[in-house]
Protein backbone atom coordinates (compact mmCIF):
# COMPACT_ATOMS: atom_id res chain seq x y z
CA UNK A 1 57.26 -22.52 -11.60
CA UNK A 2 57.65 -24.68 -15.03
CA UNK A 3 58.26 -22.18 -17.58
CA UNK A 4 58.36 -24.86 -20.11
CA UNK A 5 54.55 -24.55 -20.51
CA UNK A 6 52.78 -21.73 -21.61
CA UNK A 7 49.49 -21.26 -21.60
CA UNK A 8 47.31 -18.95 -23.69
CA UNK A 9 43.85 -17.45 -22.72
CA UNK A 10 42.56 -17.11 -18.48
CA UNK A 11 39.08 -18.75 -19.16
CA UNK A 12 37.43 -21.06 -17.71
CA UNK A 13 40.40 -24.09 -18.97
CA UNK A 14 42.99 -21.94 -18.82
CA UNK A 15 42.70 -20.86 -15.52
CA UNK A 16 42.38 -24.56 -13.99
CA UNK A 17 45.41 -25.88 -15.67
CA UNK A 18 47.49 -22.42 -15.08
CA UNK A 19 46.93 -23.54 -11.20
CA UNK A 20 47.38 -27.17 -11.77
CA UNK A 21 50.52 -26.58 -13.67
CA UNK A 22 52.11 -24.29 -12.25
CA UNK A 23 53.59 -22.41 -15.33
CA UNK A 24 52.60 -19.36 -17.26
CA UNK A 25 49.99 -17.82 -18.64
CA UNK A 26 49.63 -15.04 -20.85
CA UNK A 27 46.24 -13.21 -21.63
CA UNK A 28 47.81 -11.10 -24.77
CA UNK A 29 45.04 -10.76 -27.72
CA UNK A 30 46.98 -12.18 -31.23
CA UNK A 31 46.36 -11.00 -34.20
CA UNK A 32 48.93 -11.47 -36.84
CA UNK A 33 52.34 -13.97 -36.73
CA UNK A 34 54.46 -11.06 -35.02
CA UNK A 35 52.45 -11.40 -31.96
CA UNK A 36 52.21 -14.89 -31.37
CA UNK A 37 55.94 -15.13 -31.62
CA UNK A 38 56.73 -11.89 -29.93
CA UNK A 39 55.08 -13.68 -27.03
CA UNK A 40 57.89 -16.90 -28.09
CA UNK A 41 60.35 -14.22 -27.86
CA UNK A 42 59.32 -13.43 -24.12
CA UNK A 43 58.35 -16.39 -22.44
CA UNK A 44 60.89 -19.13 -24.35
CA UNK A 45 58.36 -22.05 -23.89
CA UNK A 46 58.74 -25.63 -25.20
CA UNK A 47 54.91 -26.11 -25.14
CA UNK A 48 52.03 -23.61 -25.57
CA UNK A 49 48.75 -24.66 -24.47
CA UNK A 50 45.97 -23.06 -26.50
CA UNK A 51 43.03 -22.20 -24.50
CA UNK A 52 41.81 -18.92 -26.62
CA UNK A 53 38.19 -19.44 -27.19
CA UNK A 54 35.05 -17.87 -27.87
CA UNK A 55 32.00 -19.25 -26.72
CA UNK A 56 30.27 -16.68 -24.22
CA UNK A 57 27.67 -17.29 -22.15
CA UNK A 58 26.72 -20.38 -24.11
CA UNK A 59 27.22 -21.36 -27.84
CA UNK A 60 24.11 -19.28 -29.12
CA UNK A 61 26.54 -16.02 -28.42
CA UNK A 62 29.04 -17.16 -30.97
CA UNK A 63 26.11 -16.23 -33.66
CA UNK A 64 26.02 -12.47 -32.27
CA UNK A 65 29.56 -12.10 -33.14
CA UNK A 66 30.60 -13.90 -36.03
CA UNK A 67 33.84 -11.88 -36.31
CA UNK A 68 35.28 -12.10 -32.55
CA UNK A 69 34.80 -16.37 -33.02
CA UNK A 70 36.00 -17.07 -36.14
CA UNK A 71 39.13 -15.24 -35.06
CA UNK A 72 39.31 -16.28 -31.67
CA UNK A 73 37.83 -20.17 -32.25
CA UNK A 74 39.74 -20.48 -36.30
CA UNK A 75 42.61 -17.55 -37.01
CA UNK A 76 44.21 -17.73 -33.41
CA UNK A 77 44.99 -21.91 -33.44
CA UNK A 78 46.33 -21.63 -36.99
CA UNK A 79 47.99 -18.51 -35.82
CA UNK A 80 49.50 -20.20 -33.22
CA UNK A 81 50.19 -23.38 -34.86
CA UNK A 82 52.68 -21.33 -37.71
CA UNK A 83 54.68 -19.69 -34.95
CA UNK A 84 54.61 -23.17 -33.12
CA UNK A 85 55.95 -24.59 -36.20
CA UNK A 86 58.53 -22.26 -36.91
CA UNK A 87 60.12 -22.07 -33.49
CA UNK A 88 60.41 -25.75 -32.95
CA UNK A 89 57.72 -25.77 -30.07
CA UNK A 90 54.83 -28.33 -29.21
CA UNK A 91 51.44 -26.65 -29.05
CA UNK A 92 48.36 -28.11 -27.93
CA UNK A 93 45.07 -27.27 -28.66
CA UNK A 94 41.70 -27.48 -26.54
CA UNK A 95 39.20 -28.09 -28.93
CA UNK A 96 35.51 -29.29 -28.51
CA UNK A 97 33.83 -32.80 -29.21
CA UNK A 98 30.45 -30.62 -30.30
CA UNK A 99 31.14 -30.90 -33.91
CA UNK A 100 29.20 -34.25 -34.52
CA UNK A 101 25.55 -35.63 -35.43
CA UNK A 102 24.74 -38.21 -33.58
CA UNK A 103 21.61 -40.90 -33.53
CA UNK A 104 21.52 -42.48 -30.14
CA UNK A 105 19.59 -45.62 -31.82
CA UNK A 106 21.97 -46.50 -33.47
CA UNK A 107 25.41 -44.32 -33.56
CA UNK A 108 28.62 -45.91 -31.39
CA UNK A 109 30.86 -43.65 -29.53
CA UNK A 110 32.49 -41.38 -31.94
CA UNK A 111 36.09 -42.46 -32.42
CA UNK A 112 38.70 -39.68 -33.54
CA UNK A 113 38.80 -41.34 -36.99
CA UNK A 114 35.59 -39.82 -38.18
CA UNK A 115 35.00 -36.99 -39.86
CA UNK A 116 33.18 -34.12 -38.16
CA UNK A 117 29.51 -33.32 -39.86
CA UNK A 118 28.13 -31.23 -37.47
CA UNK A 119 27.82 -27.38 -38.84
CA UNK A 120 24.54 -26.05 -37.51
CA UNK A 121 25.99 -23.85 -35.22
CA UNK A 122 28.28 -21.67 -36.43
CA UNK A 123 30.58 -22.23 -33.04
CA UNK A 124 31.01 -25.76 -34.33
CA UNK A 125 32.15 -24.65 -37.51
CA UNK A 126 34.58 -22.74 -36.24
CA UNK A 127 36.05 -25.50 -33.89
CA UNK A 128 35.83 -27.57 -37.37
CA UNK A 129 37.83 -25.29 -39.27
CA UNK A 130 40.49 -25.58 -36.59
CA UNK A 131 40.71 -28.90 -36.01
CA UNK A 132 40.67 -30.08 -39.88
CA UNK A 133 44.14 -27.80 -40.59
CA UNK A 134 45.61 -28.99 -37.11
CA UNK A 135 44.70 -32.83 -37.79
CA UNK A 136 46.83 -32.54 -41.14
CA UNK A 137 49.29 -30.38 -39.53
CA UNK A 138 50.15 -33.34 -36.82
CA UNK A 139 50.51 -35.42 -39.19
CA UNK A 140 54.42 -34.04 -39.71
CA UNK A 141 54.57 -31.76 -36.83
CA UNK A 142 54.49 -31.64 -32.93
CA UNK A 143 50.98 -30.60 -32.33
CA UNK A 144 48.61 -32.03 -30.00
CA UNK A 145 44.45 -31.66 -30.54
CA UNK A 146 42.15 -31.89 -26.93
CA UNK A 147 38.41 -32.65 -27.31
CA UNK A 148 37.07 -31.76 -24.19
CA UNK A 149 33.37 -32.29 -24.33
CA UNK A 150 30.48 -30.48 -21.20
CA UNK A 151 33.20 -29.62 -18.74
CA UNK A 152 32.50 -30.61 -15.48
CA UNK A 153 34.32 -29.39 -12.34
CA UNK A 154 34.34 -30.18 -8.90
CA UNK A 155 34.92 -26.03 -7.87
CA UNK A 156 31.82 -23.63 -8.76
CA UNK A 157 32.00 -21.66 -12.54
CA UNK A 158 29.74 -20.56 -14.45
CA UNK A 159 30.75 -22.85 -17.40
CA UNK A 160 30.60 -26.03 -15.17
CA UNK A 161 27.83 -27.39 -15.86
CA UNK A 162 26.99 -28.45 -12.23
CA UNK A 163 26.78 -25.20 -11.99
CA UNK A 164 24.24 -24.33 -14.48
CA UNK A 165 22.43 -26.94 -13.28
CA UNK A 166 21.84 -25.92 -9.75
CA UNK A 167 21.08 -21.73 -11.48
CA UNK A 168 18.80 -23.26 -13.92
CA UNK A 169 16.94 -25.89 -12.10
CA UNK A 170 15.40 -27.02 -15.93
CA UNK A 171 17.43 -30.11 -17.13
CA UNK A 172 17.22 -32.49 -20.13
CA UNK A 173 17.48 -36.27 -19.48
CA UNK A 174 19.88 -37.22 -22.70
CA UNK A 175 23.23 -39.61 -22.38
CA UNK A 176 26.04 -37.68 -23.03
CA UNK A 177 29.79 -37.22 -22.77
CA UNK A 178 31.45 -35.42 -20.52
CA UNK A 179 35.01 -34.22 -19.16
CA UNK A 180 35.85 -34.37 -15.76
CA UNK A 181 38.08 -31.72 -15.42
CA UNK A 182 40.28 -32.90 -12.72
CA UNK A 183 40.62 -35.91 -14.84
CA UNK A 184 40.99 -33.76 -17.79
CA UNK A 185 44.45 -32.38 -16.31
CA UNK A 186 46.05 -35.66 -15.40
CA UNK A 187 45.16 -36.95 -19.15
CA UNK A 188 46.70 -33.59 -20.12
CA UNK A 189 50.01 -34.44 -17.86
CA UNK A 190 50.06 -37.69 -19.87
CA UNK A 191 49.74 -37.38 -23.53
CA UNK A 192 52.49 -34.29 -22.86
CA UNK A 193 54.63 -36.71 -21.21
CA UNK A 194 54.48 -39.53 -23.73
CA UNK A 195 54.66 -36.37 -26.53
CA UNK A 196 51.25 -37.39 -27.65
CA UNK A 197 50.18 -36.08 -31.50
CA UNK A 198 47.22 -35.74 -33.55
CA UNK A 199 43.81 -35.95 -32.13
CA UNK A 200 42.49 -37.44 -29.19
CA UNK A 201 38.92 -37.33 -27.24
CA UNK A 202 39.19 -36.36 -23.86
CA UNK A 203 36.23 -37.63 -22.18
CA UNK A 204 35.18 -39.75 -18.94
CA UNK A 205 33.91 -43.56 -20.13
CA UNK A 206 30.54 -44.12 -20.28
CA UNK A 207 27.65 -41.18 -20.59
CA UNK A 208 25.85 -38.72 -18.01
CA UNK A 209 22.27 -38.26 -17.89
CA UNK A 210 22.03 -34.69 -16.36
CA UNK A 211 19.08 -35.85 -13.56
CA UNK A 212 21.80 -38.51 -12.43
CA UNK A 213 23.89 -35.60 -11.35
CA UNK A 214 21.59 -33.48 -10.20
CA UNK A 215 19.80 -36.75 -8.07
CA UNK A 216 23.58 -36.67 -6.34
CA UNK A 217 23.73 -32.64 -5.70
CA UNK A 218 20.13 -33.55 -4.02
CA UNK A 219 21.69 -35.93 -1.64
CA UNK A 220 23.65 -33.41 0.18
CA UNK A 221 21.33 -30.44 -0.47
CA UNK A 222 17.73 -31.36 0.33
CA UNK A 223 16.49 -28.04 -0.90
CA UNK A 224 17.63 -28.52 -4.01
CA UNK A 225 14.48 -28.88 -6.54
CA UNK A 226 14.82 -29.55 -10.52
CA UNK A 227 12.36 -30.42 -13.42
CA UNK A 228 13.30 -32.84 -15.91
CA UNK A 229 11.82 -30.95 -19.43
CA UNK A 230 11.93 -32.29 -22.82
CA UNK A 231 14.44 -31.19 -25.21
CA UNK A 232 12.79 -29.89 -27.89
CA UNK A 233 11.31 -27.89 -25.44
CA UNK A 234 14.05 -25.78 -24.84
CA UNK A 235 13.98 -24.93 -28.58
CA UNK A 236 17.85 -24.43 -29.34
CA UNK A 237 20.02 -25.94 -31.86
CA UNK A 238 22.54 -28.62 -29.58
CA UNK A 239 24.41 -31.65 -29.97
CA UNK A 240 24.10 -34.63 -27.27
CA UNK A 241 26.19 -37.35 -28.65
CA UNK A 242 28.93 -39.77 -27.10
CA UNK A 243 32.34 -39.92 -27.98
CA UNK A 244 34.80 -42.77 -27.92
CA UNK A 245 37.81 -42.73 -25.03
CA UNK A 246 39.26 -45.90 -26.44
CA UNK A 247 42.32 -44.18 -28.56
CA UNK A 248 43.49 -42.54 -24.87
CA UNK A 249 43.46 -45.42 -23.04
CA UNK A 250 45.15 -47.50 -25.67
CA UNK A 251 47.53 -44.40 -24.87
CA UNK A 252 48.11 -45.78 -21.48
CA UNK A 253 45.94 -44.11 -19.60
CA UNK A 254 42.90 -45.53 -17.83
CA UNK A 255 40.43 -42.87 -17.32
CA UNK A 256 37.50 -43.03 -14.81
CA UNK A 257 33.87 -43.87 -15.94
CA UNK A 258 31.69 -40.44 -15.49
CA UNK A 259 29.61 -42.23 -12.20
CA UNK A 260 32.45 -42.79 -10.52
CA UNK A 261 33.53 -38.87 -10.02
CA UNK A 262 29.93 -37.35 -9.30
CA UNK A 263 30.31 -37.66 -5.84
CA UNK A 264 33.88 -36.85 -5.31
CA UNK A 265 32.20 -33.89 -7.41
CA UNK A 266 29.62 -32.74 -5.79
CA UNK A 267 31.07 -33.11 -1.73
CA UNK A 268 33.95 -31.11 -3.19
CA UNK A 269 31.86 -28.80 -4.72
CA UNK A 270 30.42 -28.11 -1.73
CA UNK A 271 33.14 -26.94 -0.08
CA UNK A 272 33.82 -24.09 -1.88
């Protein structure tokens, strides 16, 4: 077991990382600096990967419990940053790319340098609060912020976009940046190895239309039926956007185009 790394949070991302990295994981609640430092003393890690966060079934659940959202998505990461700084531990914070407005007619893929500007969802605001604080700290301390977006995995989970498409059978047809989790795990190992700091967008190159993913799934499950509906029909506040993977590639990691992983993803998914 890799005892250098401690993962906090046993949700979708945390569980996948624990399996892949073969390291310790804690589900202890953190309400104070003392709580965080107690975990540091128990596990004595060199690296903390923070996967604690609240999203619920979807981001709308965050509007129903503002206190839980603010505690999990904002206060806990800042507490962990202070504990990591005091104990000379590297903090890796798993963040989100759902923090920008985007105009598909004129905007280029968003780089890490752009200031977040999507405040219409409390979930997004809670992520922005944290990222802005950690970004400043990362200029001096060993803090890495990795942004993921619309996780796609090769195994079933309620938060896997493939599982959502299969369940709801209604999809919008807007291009989006997507994070393929098997690639995300390799990227994270790379960034830890080179001791990267600051913000990195961790998304696959290119963009994904859900209809393309649904089409690949239907290729293997011909009985699967789905319907493409206009985004406006959902009557939901969401952000659809493209993130740049340029900074990641400059670090020495050549991430695959999202179109390259779809067949692999679906075939592996169907083995479970």
